[in-house]
Protein backbone atom coordinates (compact mmCIF):
# COMPACT_ATOMS: atom_id res chain seq x y z
CA MET A 1 33.41 -20.93 -11.28
CA ARG A 2 31.12 -20.38 -8.22
CA LYS A 3 32.30 -19.69 -4.58
CA LEU A 4 31.55 -21.62 -1.53
CA LEU A 5 28.23 -23.07 -3.21
CA LEU A 6 25.89 -23.81 -0.32
CA PRO A 7 22.58 -25.59 -0.99
CA ALA A 8 19.71 -25.38 1.70
CA VAL A 9 21.97 -23.98 4.71
CA MET A 10 19.75 -22.41 6.91
CA LEU A 11 20.38 -19.62 8.75
CA LEU A 12 17.13 -19.35 11.45
CA SER A 13 15.65 -15.53 12.70
CA LEU A 14 12.99 -15.61 15.26
CA ALA A 15 10.27 -12.82 15.09
CA VAL A 16 10.61 -9.76 16.94
CA GLY A 17 7.40 -10.18 19.45
CA TYR A 18 5.62 -13.13 17.32
CA THR A 19 5.81 -16.86 17.86
CA GLN A 20 6.46 -16.98 13.92
CA GLU A 21 9.53 -18.43 12.77
CA VAL A 22 11.39 -17.08 9.34
CA ARG A 23 14.11 -19.31 7.57
CA VAL A 24 16.25 -17.62 5.49
CA GLU A 25 18.31 -19.77 3.12
CA LEU A 26 21.54 -19.50 1.68
CA VAL A 27 21.38 -20.98 -2.07
CA GLY A 28 24.99 -19.96 -3.17
CA ARG A 29 27.76 -17.03 -3.34
CA PHE A 30 28.65 -17.03 -6.87
CA GLU A 31 32.01 -15.38 -7.97
CA ASP A 32 30.74 -15.02 -11.79
CA ILE A 33 28.00 -12.69 -10.69
CA LYS A 34 29.94 -9.27 -9.24
CA PHE A 35 28.80 -5.51 -8.29
CA LYS A 36 30.18 -3.60 -11.62
CA VAL A 37 29.94 0.44 -12.78
CA MET A 38 29.82 2.08 -15.54
CA GLU A 39 29.56 5.79 -15.49
CA PRO A 40 27.01 7.40 -15.30
CA MET A 41 24.50 5.08 -14.45
CA MET A 42 24.89 1.97 -15.43
CA ILE A 43 25.19 -0.42 -12.35
CA THR A 44 25.14 -4.41 -12.63
CA PRO A 45 23.75 -6.79 -11.15
CA SER A 46 20.35 -5.28 -12.81
CA GLY A 47 17.16 -6.91 -13.65
CA PHE A 48 16.32 -9.50 -11.53
CA TRP A 49 13.82 -12.41 -10.80
CA VAL A 50 12.69 -15.94 -10.58
CA ASP A 51 11.04 -18.54 -12.74
CA GLU A 52 9.57 -20.84 -10.06
CA LYS A 53 7.77 -23.29 -12.08
CA ARG A 54 11.59 -23.78 -14.03
CA GLN A 55 13.01 -23.45 -10.61
CA ARG A 56 15.50 -20.94 -11.69
CA ILE A 57 16.83 -17.08 -10.64
CA ILE A 58 17.84 -15.01 -13.26
CA ILE A 59 19.97 -12.32 -12.99
CA ASP A 60 21.06 -10.11 -15.54
CA ASP A 61 24.90 -8.06 -16.37
CA GLU A 62 23.69 -5.81 -18.67
CA ILE A 63 27.20 -3.82 -18.26
CA ASP A 64 28.66 -7.00 -20.14
CA TYR A 65 25.89 -8.53 -22.00
CA GLN A 66 25.64 -11.67 -19.65
CA ARG A 67 22.92 -13.72 -18.28
CA PHE A 68 22.72 -15.96 -15.32
CA GLU A 69 20.36 -18.66 -14.45
CA ILE A 70 20.59 -20.44 -10.87
CA GLU A 71 19.14 -23.46 -11.42
CA TRP A 72 18.14 -25.37 -8.24
CA GLY A 73 16.02 -28.21 -7.37
CA GLY A 74 16.84 -31.76 -5.29
CA GLU A 75 20.63 -31.78 -3.60
CA LYS A 76 21.98 -29.96 -6.81
CA VAL A 77 22.74 -26.10 -7.74
CA ARG A 78 23.84 -24.86 -11.29
CA LEU A 79 25.00 -21.70 -12.93
CA LEU A 80 24.53 -21.44 -16.17
CA LYS A 81 25.72 -18.63 -18.50
CA GLU A 82 24.51 -17.25 -21.89
CA GLU A 83 24.70 -14.01 -23.73
CA LEU A 84 22.39 -11.24 -22.74
CA LYS A 85 21.21 -10.23 -26.57
CA LYS A 86 18.98 -6.86 -25.92
CA ILE A 87 19.94 -4.62 -23.11
CA CYS A 88 16.15 -3.73 -21.51
CA TRP A 89 17.64 -0.60 -18.89
CA TRP A 90 15.76 -2.02 -15.30
CA MET A 91 18.08 -0.90 -13.61
CA GLY A 92 18.16 -2.71 -10.78
CA GLY A 93 14.24 -3.29 -10.98
CA ASP A 94 12.07 -5.91 -9.83
CA VAL A 95 11.14 -8.35 -12.82
CA TYR A 96 7.46 -10.35 -13.64
CA PRO A 97 7.37 -12.12 -16.79
CA ILE A 98 3.78 -13.46 -17.18
CA GLY A 99 2.56 -14.85 -20.04
CA GLU A 100 5.00 -14.00 -23.16
CA TYR A 101 5.32 -10.26 -21.58
CA THR A 102 7.52 -8.90 -18.82
CA PHE A 103 7.07 -6.00 -16.72
CA GLY A 104 9.41 -4.25 -14.58
CA VAL A 105 8.33 -2.48 -11.31
CA ARG A 106 10.47 -0.37 -8.91
CA ASN A 107 9.15 2.56 -6.96
CA GLY A 108 8.61 5.21 -9.99
CA SER A 109 8.67 3.45 -12.81
CA VAL A 110 6.81 0.82 -14.55
CA GLN A 111 8.07 -1.05 -18.20
CA VAL A 112 6.61 -3.73 -19.85
CA ARG A 113 7.79 -5.72 -22.75
CA ASP A 114 7.35 -8.44 -25.18
CA ALA A 115 8.23 -12.08 -25.86
CA HIS A 116 11.21 -10.26 -27.86
CA TYR A 117 12.11 -7.61 -25.39
CA ASN A 118 10.69 -4.67 -27.01
CA ARG A 119 9.49 -2.12 -25.27
CA ILE A 120 5.55 -1.54 -25.29
CA VAL A 121 5.28 1.34 -22.61
CA CYS A 122 7.77 2.62 -20.33
CA PHE A 123 6.54 5.18 -17.43
CA SER A 124 9.25 6.32 -15.13
CA SER A 125 9.48 9.59 -13.03
CA ALA A 126 9.87 12.24 -16.66
CA ASP A 127 6.65 10.40 -17.56
CA GLY A 128 5.12 11.52 -13.95
CA GLU A 129 6.15 15.29 -13.99
CA ALA A 130 4.05 15.69 -17.69
CA LEU A 131 1.05 13.80 -15.53
CA HIS A 132 1.35 16.46 -12.67
CA GLY A 133 4.05 14.54 -10.33
CA LEU A 134 1.80 11.39 -10.29
CA LEU A 135 4.03 8.52 -9.95
CA PRO A 136 3.90 4.51 -9.53
CA LEU A 137 4.74 3.65 -6.10
CA GLY A 138 3.51 1.36 -3.74
CA PRO A 139 2.72 -2.63 -3.76
CA VAL A 140 1.81 -3.79 -7.18
CA PHE A 141 -0.57 -6.95 -8.27
CA PHE A 142 -1.41 -8.63 -11.80
CA LEU A 143 -5.00 -8.87 -13.02
CA LYS A 144 -5.35 -11.33 -16.35
CA GLY A 145 -8.08 -10.64 -19.17
CA LYS A 146 -9.37 -12.32 -22.09
CA ASP A 147 -6.83 -10.75 -23.93
CA ARG A 148 -4.20 -9.58 -21.73
CA PHE A 149 -2.61 -8.94 -18.99
CA TYR A 150 -2.38 -5.71 -15.96
CA SER A 151 -0.31 -4.90 -14.04
CA VAL A 152 -2.52 -2.54 -10.62
CA PHE A 153 -0.60 -0.21 -8.36
CA PRO A 154 -1.29 3.20 -6.08
CA TRP A 155 0.18 6.60 -8.19
CA LYS A 156 2.23 8.48 -5.23
CA ASN A 157 -0.81 10.03 -4.66
CA GLY A 158 -2.84 7.18 -3.49
CA SER A 159 -4.96 6.65 -6.31
CA ALA A 160 -5.59 3.99 -8.58
CA GLY A 161 -3.03 3.40 -11.60
CA SER A 162 -2.53 0.52 -13.73
CA VAL A 163 -0.49 -0.67 -16.90
CA ASP A 164 -1.77 -3.74 -19.42
CA THR A 165 0.17 -5.23 -22.36
CA ASP A 166 -1.18 -3.22 -24.93
CA GLY A 167 0.75 -0.20 -23.44
CA ARG A 168 -2.79 1.89 -22.17
CA ILE A 169 -2.04 3.38 -18.84
CA TYR A 170 -4.97 4.06 -16.25
CA MET A 171 -5.82 6.52 -14.18
CA GLY A 172 -7.94 6.80 -11.00
CA LYS A 173 -11.68 5.95 -11.42
CA GLU A 174 -10.74 4.28 -14.79
CA VAL A 175 -9.24 1.45 -12.71
CA ILE A 176 -11.43 0.76 -10.80
CA GLU A 177 -13.94 0.17 -13.68
CA LEU A 178 -11.16 -2.32 -14.83
CA LEU A 179 -11.82 -4.18 -11.74
CA ARG A 180 -15.17 -4.42 -11.75
CA ALA A 181 -15.08 -5.65 -15.36
CA LEU A 182 -12.77 -8.41 -14.68
CA ASP A 183 -14.28 -9.83 -11.57
CA PRO A 184 -17.30 -8.84 -11.11
CA GLU A 185 -17.85 -10.84 -7.89
CA LYS A 186 -14.39 -9.59 -5.92
CA TYR A 187 -15.26 -5.87 -7.04
CA GLU A 188 -18.43 -6.42 -4.66
CA ALA A 189 -16.08 -7.57 -2.12
CA SER A 190 -13.45 -4.79 -2.32
CA VAL A 191 -16.44 -2.31 -2.61
CA ARG A 192 -17.44 -3.66 0.96
CA ARG A 193 -14.20 -3.98 2.29
CA ALA A 194 -13.47 0.09 1.91
CA GLU A 195 -16.84 0.24 3.63
CA GLU A 196 -15.42 -1.32 6.26
CA LEU A 197 -12.12 1.18 6.08
CA GLY A 198 -14.03 4.16 6.01
CA LEU A 199 -12.11 3.97 1.83
CA ARG A 200 -15.93 3.55 0.09
CA GLU A 201 -16.19 6.62 -1.57
CA ALA A 202 -11.96 7.27 -2.06
CA PHE A 203 -12.27 3.83 -3.71
CA GLU A 204 -15.16 4.03 -6.16
CA GLU A 205 -13.84 7.83 -7.37
CA GLY A 206 -10.78 6.02 -7.69
CA ARG A 207 -8.35 7.94 -5.01
CA ALA A 208 -7.92 4.79 -2.96
CA LEU A 209 -7.04 1.16 -3.93
CA VAL A 210 -8.41 -1.79 -2.45
CA TRP A 211 -9.01 -4.94 -3.79
CA GLY A 212 -9.84 -7.76 -1.90
CA ARG A 213 -9.44 -7.54 1.65
CA THR A 214 -6.22 -5.34 1.20
CA TYR A 215 -5.77 -1.80 1.27
CA TYR A 216 -3.10 -0.99 -0.88
CA ASP A 217 -1.17 2.07 -0.93
CA THR A 218 2.78 3.50 -0.18
CA PRO A 219 4.60 2.76 3.43
CA GLU A 220 3.52 7.11 4.35
CA ARG A 221 0.31 6.62 3.22
CA LEU A 222 -0.68 2.85 5.23
CA HIS A 223 1.50 4.88 8.09
CA GLU A 224 -1.10 7.49 8.28
CA TYR A 225 -3.94 5.39 7.93
CA TRP A 226 -2.93 2.49 10.01
CA GLY A 227 -1.48 4.79 12.81
CA GLU A 228 1.70 2.50 12.73
CA TRP A 229 5.21 2.37 10.73
CA LEU A 230 4.48 -0.80 9.78
CA PHE A 231 7.43 -1.29 7.65
CA ARG A 232 11.31 -0.03 8.37
CA SER A 233 11.78 1.92 5.04
CA GLU A 234 9.94 4.58 3.47
CA ALA A 235 11.96 4.20 0.01
CA ASP A 236 12.30 0.77 0.15
CA PRO A 237 9.41 -0.96 -2.54
CA ILE A 238 6.48 -3.01 -1.00
CA TYR A 239 5.41 -6.51 -2.78
CA ALA A 240 2.18 -7.74 -2.73
CA ASP A 241 1.28 -11.98 -2.55
CA GLU A 242 -1.44 -13.49 -4.40
CA GLN A 243 -3.51 -12.99 -1.07
CA GLY A 244 -2.77 -9.02 -0.81
CA ASN A 245 -0.37 -9.66 2.31
CA LEU A 246 2.25 -6.82 1.75
CA TYR A 247 6.09 -7.02 1.97
CA GLN A 248 8.89 -5.28 2.59
CA LEU A 249 12.72 -6.54 2.77
CA TYR A 250 15.16 -3.94 4.38
CA LEU A 251 18.72 -4.68 4.04
CA ASN A 252 21.48 -1.97 5.56
CA PHE A 253 24.91 -1.64 3.75
CA GLU A 254 26.63 -0.76 7.65
CA GLU A 255 25.80 -3.64 9.56
CA ASP A 256 23.13 -6.41 9.45
CA VAL A 257 21.46 -5.32 12.39
CA GLY A 258 19.33 -2.95 11.30
CA SER A 259 18.02 -4.86 8.43
CA GLU A 260 14.58 -6.11 8.57
CA PHE A 261 11.67 -7.93 7.00
CA ALA A 262 7.71 -7.80 7.36
CA VAL A 263 5.04 -9.25 6.04
CA VAL A 264 1.77 -7.85 6.78
CA GLY A 265 -1.84 -8.67 6.75
CA PRO A 266 -4.62 -6.98 5.14
CA ASP A 267 -6.04 -5.56 8.74
CA GLY A 268 -2.27 -3.78 9.18
CA GLU A 269 -1.44 -6.84 11.55
CA TYR A 270 2.50 -8.30 11.40
CA LEU A 271 1.89 -11.96 10.12
CA VAL A 272 6.03 -11.85 10.46
CA ARG A 273 8.50 -9.10 11.39
CA VAL A 274 12.54 -10.33 11.56
CA GLU A 275 15.53 -8.52 12.00
CA HIS A 276 18.64 -9.97 11.39
CA VAL A 277 17.51 -11.34 8.15
CA ALA A 278 20.25 -11.54 6.86
CA LYS A 279 23.04 -12.87 9.16
CA GLY A 280 24.52 -15.14 6.57
CA SER A 281 25.80 -11.98 4.36
CA GLU A 282 29.70 -11.80 4.69
CA ILE A 283 28.80 -8.75 2.29
CA LEU A 284 26.72 -7.03 4.40
CA GLY A 285 27.86 -5.49 7.81
CA ARG A 286 31.86 -6.25 7.22
CA GLU A 287 34.60 -3.12 6.04
CA TYR A 288 36.58 -5.51 4.30
CA ARG A 289 35.70 -9.03 3.18
CA ALA A 290 39.54 -9.72 2.05
CA GLU A 291 42.85 -7.97 3.07
CA GLY A 292 42.61 -4.60 0.63
CA VAL A 293 39.61 -5.63 -1.05
CA MET A 294 37.21 -3.57 -0.06
CA ARG A 295 32.94 -3.92 -0.61
CA PRO A 296 31.59 -1.98 -2.90
CA PRO A 297 30.55 1.71 -2.26
CA TYR A 298 26.98 1.77 -1.82
CA LEU A 299 24.40 -1.29 -1.69
CA VAL A 300 23.45 -3.51 -5.02
CA TYR A 301 20.83 -5.82 -4.46
CA GLY A 302 17.07 -7.09 -5.71
CA VAL A 303 14.19 -8.69 -4.27
CA TYR A 304 11.00 -10.90 -5.90
CA VAL A 305 8.66 -12.13 -4.11
CA GLY A 306 6.68 -14.82 -5.68
CA PHE A 307 3.08 -14.64 -6.63
CA GLY A 308 2.60 -17.46 -3.49
CA GLY A 309 4.69 -14.96 -1.00
CA ASN A 310 8.22 -17.49 -1.49
CA VAL A 311 10.43 -14.73 -0.93
CA TYR A 312 14.33 -14.60 -2.57
CA PHE A 313 17.26 -11.68 -2.63
CA TYR A 314 20.55 -11.42 -3.45
CA VAL A 315 23.17 -9.00 -2.25
CA ALA A 316 26.77 -8.31 -4.61
CA GLY A 317 30.03 -7.50 -3.66
CA TYR A 318 33.18 -7.05 -5.62
CA GLU A 319 34.54 -10.32 -5.33
CA TYR A 320 30.77 -13.04 -5.60
CA THR A 321 27.01 -11.74 -4.77
CA GLU A 322 25.17 -14.04 -2.17
CA VAL A 323 21.98 -15.17 -3.19
CA PHE A 324 19.08 -16.51 -0.52
CA ARG A 325 15.03 -17.34 -0.46
CA ILE A 326 12.86 -17.85 2.37
CA ARG A 327 10.02 -20.26 1.58
CA ARG A 328 6.98 -19.07 2.68
CA THR A 329 5.35 -20.15 6.07
CA TRP A 330 3.48 -17.76 7.56
CA GLY A 331 -0.16 -16.39 7.57
CA GLU A 332 -2.77 -18.80 5.48
CA PRO A 333 -1.67 -21.50 2.90
CA SER A 334 -1.10 -20.53 -0.36
CA ILE A 335 -1.87 -23.42 -2.65
CA TYR A 336 1.01 -22.07 -5.84
CA ALA A 337 3.63 -21.56 -3.05
CA LEU A 338 3.34 -25.00 -1.58
CA ALA A 339 3.55 -26.72 -5.15
CA VAL A 340 6.25 -24.92 -6.46
CA ASN A 341 8.61 -25.55 -2.82
CA GLY A 342 7.17 -29.38 -3.17
CA TYR A 343 7.88 -31.90 -0.05
CA THR A 344 11.45 -31.60 1.36
CA ASP A 345 12.56 -33.86 4.28
CA ASP A 346 14.01 -31.74 6.34
CA TRP A 347 12.13 -28.85 8.40
CA TYR A 348 10.25 -27.42 5.79
CA GLY A 349 8.72 -31.03 5.48
CA GLU A 350 7.54 -31.00 8.57
CA TYR A 351 5.59 -27.55 8.03
CA VAL A 352 3.69 -28.85 4.81
CA ASP A 353 2.75 -32.25 6.86
CA GLY A 354 0.54 -29.89 9.21
CA VAL A 355 -0.49 -28.03 6.95
CA LEU A 356 -1.58 -31.47 4.56
CA GLU A 357 -3.33 -32.53 7.94
CA LYS A 358 -5.36 -28.99 7.92
CA MET A 359 -6.52 -28.66 4.42
CA SER A 360 -10.21 -29.28 3.16
CA ASP A 361 -10.48 -32.51 0.77
CA GLU A 362 -10.90 -29.84 -2.01
CA GLU A 363 -8.00 -27.78 -0.64
CA LEU A 364 -5.76 -31.11 -1.48
CA ARG A 365 -7.51 -32.04 -4.38
CA LEU A 366 -6.19 -28.27 -5.86
CA LEU A 367 -2.36 -28.72 -4.53
CA ARG A 368 -1.71 -31.88 -6.04
CA ASN A 369 -3.08 -30.83 -9.33
CA CYS A 370 -1.11 -27.81 -9.26
CA VAL A 371 2.13 -29.77 -9.72
CA PHE A 372 0.66 -30.07 -12.58
CA ALA A 373 -0.19 -26.69 -13.75
CA LEU A 374 2.79 -25.11 -12.80
CA TYR A 375 3.97 -26.58 -16.09
CA GLY A 376 0.84 -25.82 -18.25
CA TYR A 377 -0.93 -29.15 -18.42
CA VAL A 378 -4.72 -28.66 -19.48
CA PHE A 379 -7.30 -30.12 -16.94
CA LYS A 380 -9.99 -32.39 -18.43
CA ASP A 381 -12.32 -31.67 -15.48
CA GLU A 382 -14.28 -28.87 -15.77
CA SER A 383 -13.84 -27.30 -12.61
CA LEU A 384 -9.91 -27.41 -12.22
CA ARG A 385 -9.87 -26.13 -15.77
CA GLU A 386 -11.75 -23.18 -15.02
CA TYR A 387 -9.74 -22.39 -11.28
CA PHE A 388 -6.21 -22.95 -12.84
CA SER A 389 -7.45 -20.57 -16.18
CA GLU A 390 -7.69 -17.85 -13.47
CA GLN A 391 -4.53 -17.89 -12.04
CA VAL A 392 -2.39 -15.40 -13.51
CA TRP A 393 0.60 -17.56 -13.27
CA TYR A 394 -1.30 -20.53 -15.40
CA GLU A 395 0.39 -20.54 -18.77
CA PRO A 396 -1.63 -23.72 -20.71
CA ASP A 397 0.68 -26.06 -22.63
CA PRO A 398 -1.65 -28.64 -24.93
CA GLY A 399 1.21 -31.05 -25.29
CA VAL A 400 2.27 -31.51 -21.40
CA ASP A 401 1.71 -35.00 -20.99
CA PRO A 402 1.37 -35.40 -16.87
CA GLY A 403 2.46 -39.23 -17.76
CA ARG A 404 5.83 -37.82 -19.05
CA LEU A 405 6.21 -35.47 -17.31
CA GLU A 406 9.37 -35.82 -14.86
CA LEU A 407 9.00 -33.75 -12.19
CA PRO A 408 11.68 -32.50 -9.68
CA PRO A 409 12.23 -34.57 -6.68
CA GLU A 410 10.22 -32.28 -3.93
CA ARG A 411 7.34 -31.87 -6.55
CA ARG A 412 6.90 -35.43 -6.65
CA ARG A 413 7.51 -36.14 -3.06
CA LEU A 414 4.62 -33.38 -2.73
CA VAL A 415 1.86 -35.38 -4.59
CA GLU A 416 3.10 -38.35 -3.13
CA ARG A 417 2.23 -37.03 0.42
CA VAL A 418 -0.87 -35.58 -0.76
CA VAL A 419 -1.95 -38.98 -2.15
CA GLN A 420 -1.14 -40.56 1.29
CA GLU A 421 -3.29 -37.86 3.04
CA GLU A 422 -6.27 -38.50 0.67
CA ARG A 423 -5.99 -42.25 1.44
CA LYS A 424 -6.28 -41.68 5.12
CA ARG A 425 -9.58 -39.65 4.77
CA GLY A 426 -11.08 -43.11 2.21
CA LEU A 427 -10.65 -40.68 -0.52
CA ARG A 428 -8.89 -42.74 -2.77
CA LYS A 429 -8.77 -46.34 -3.02
């Protein structure tokens, strides 16, 4: 059963010292999903990820072998429940399904599983000790090869690291050669950017990780480089979107006053810095939620940052779990995030209207077609086929017929709004 299900309830937080506004939306409070612990170290909820294409938030209970899927879209939010057939020991980790594979990513560990959740590779602190103390830390991004996928990240010492879906682990200069082979053009741009940052030699030797315009490293080392603390917590994970912006959501269990959400651009500048980000939570900052019922002894929460920069997170309690989302409105607009979110008749629709007016003709075309690419449509146009085939999230499905595809209402309205803008510009009859 669900408790106090409140789709699209808005909580407005103002950026501290910045003009950017961030809206935190309560997806719902779910009584079926609760904090549980089984000694010695098993805690649930554990695995947490979001299938943005299908509009589902997935939370695993690996103690009672249950999987919960929270489906949103239109005016309804539904909670679906099924048996969890295999324990993956995500242990609260951040999970990224890509193609037929699933990456489990957390500070200090990376694992890769196949379509049946069989383990391909698991790299944890024990393995790190065997490799002279190296641990995968800092933000992770994903790349697509001809026959496999790669997660790329900095090791604890700042050097480049990677794991692929064949189970191979790459270190240092091996990663740089891999980046050069996967995308020669972006590699050359990264060399130029590393030169600007004074990191070219370290980058070419694999001692530093630069990709595109972004320098990827741990919170502590980014602090040393930029000369200021960009992120509230040294221990909490940093995430990255497809544009190379870096994210951290820090939640304070004692009181929401200390909670903070930050998005940092490639030049070390804040795109967003928000305090009181979880002020709508009934779990954080409360000594008791009901008379005689204490909250969990420590904070159990999960964060997922989508490829386009949408943010989702949950906070678990003894009585229920709260789930929130933050739709991307900062920095350079993401075509993927816009397609995922669609067009809603509220503040977000106003944001989309402003974005569409400023888009180029080609960007409008990509956005309109991106909605169908979410479902795997194989494009006849060569330029569209080439563009979407390069996207990590795109899974081509020859069986998809756009004429028979039933789009969620918000995505259908987005396509209609793009077409209206194209007609206004004389691009369509």
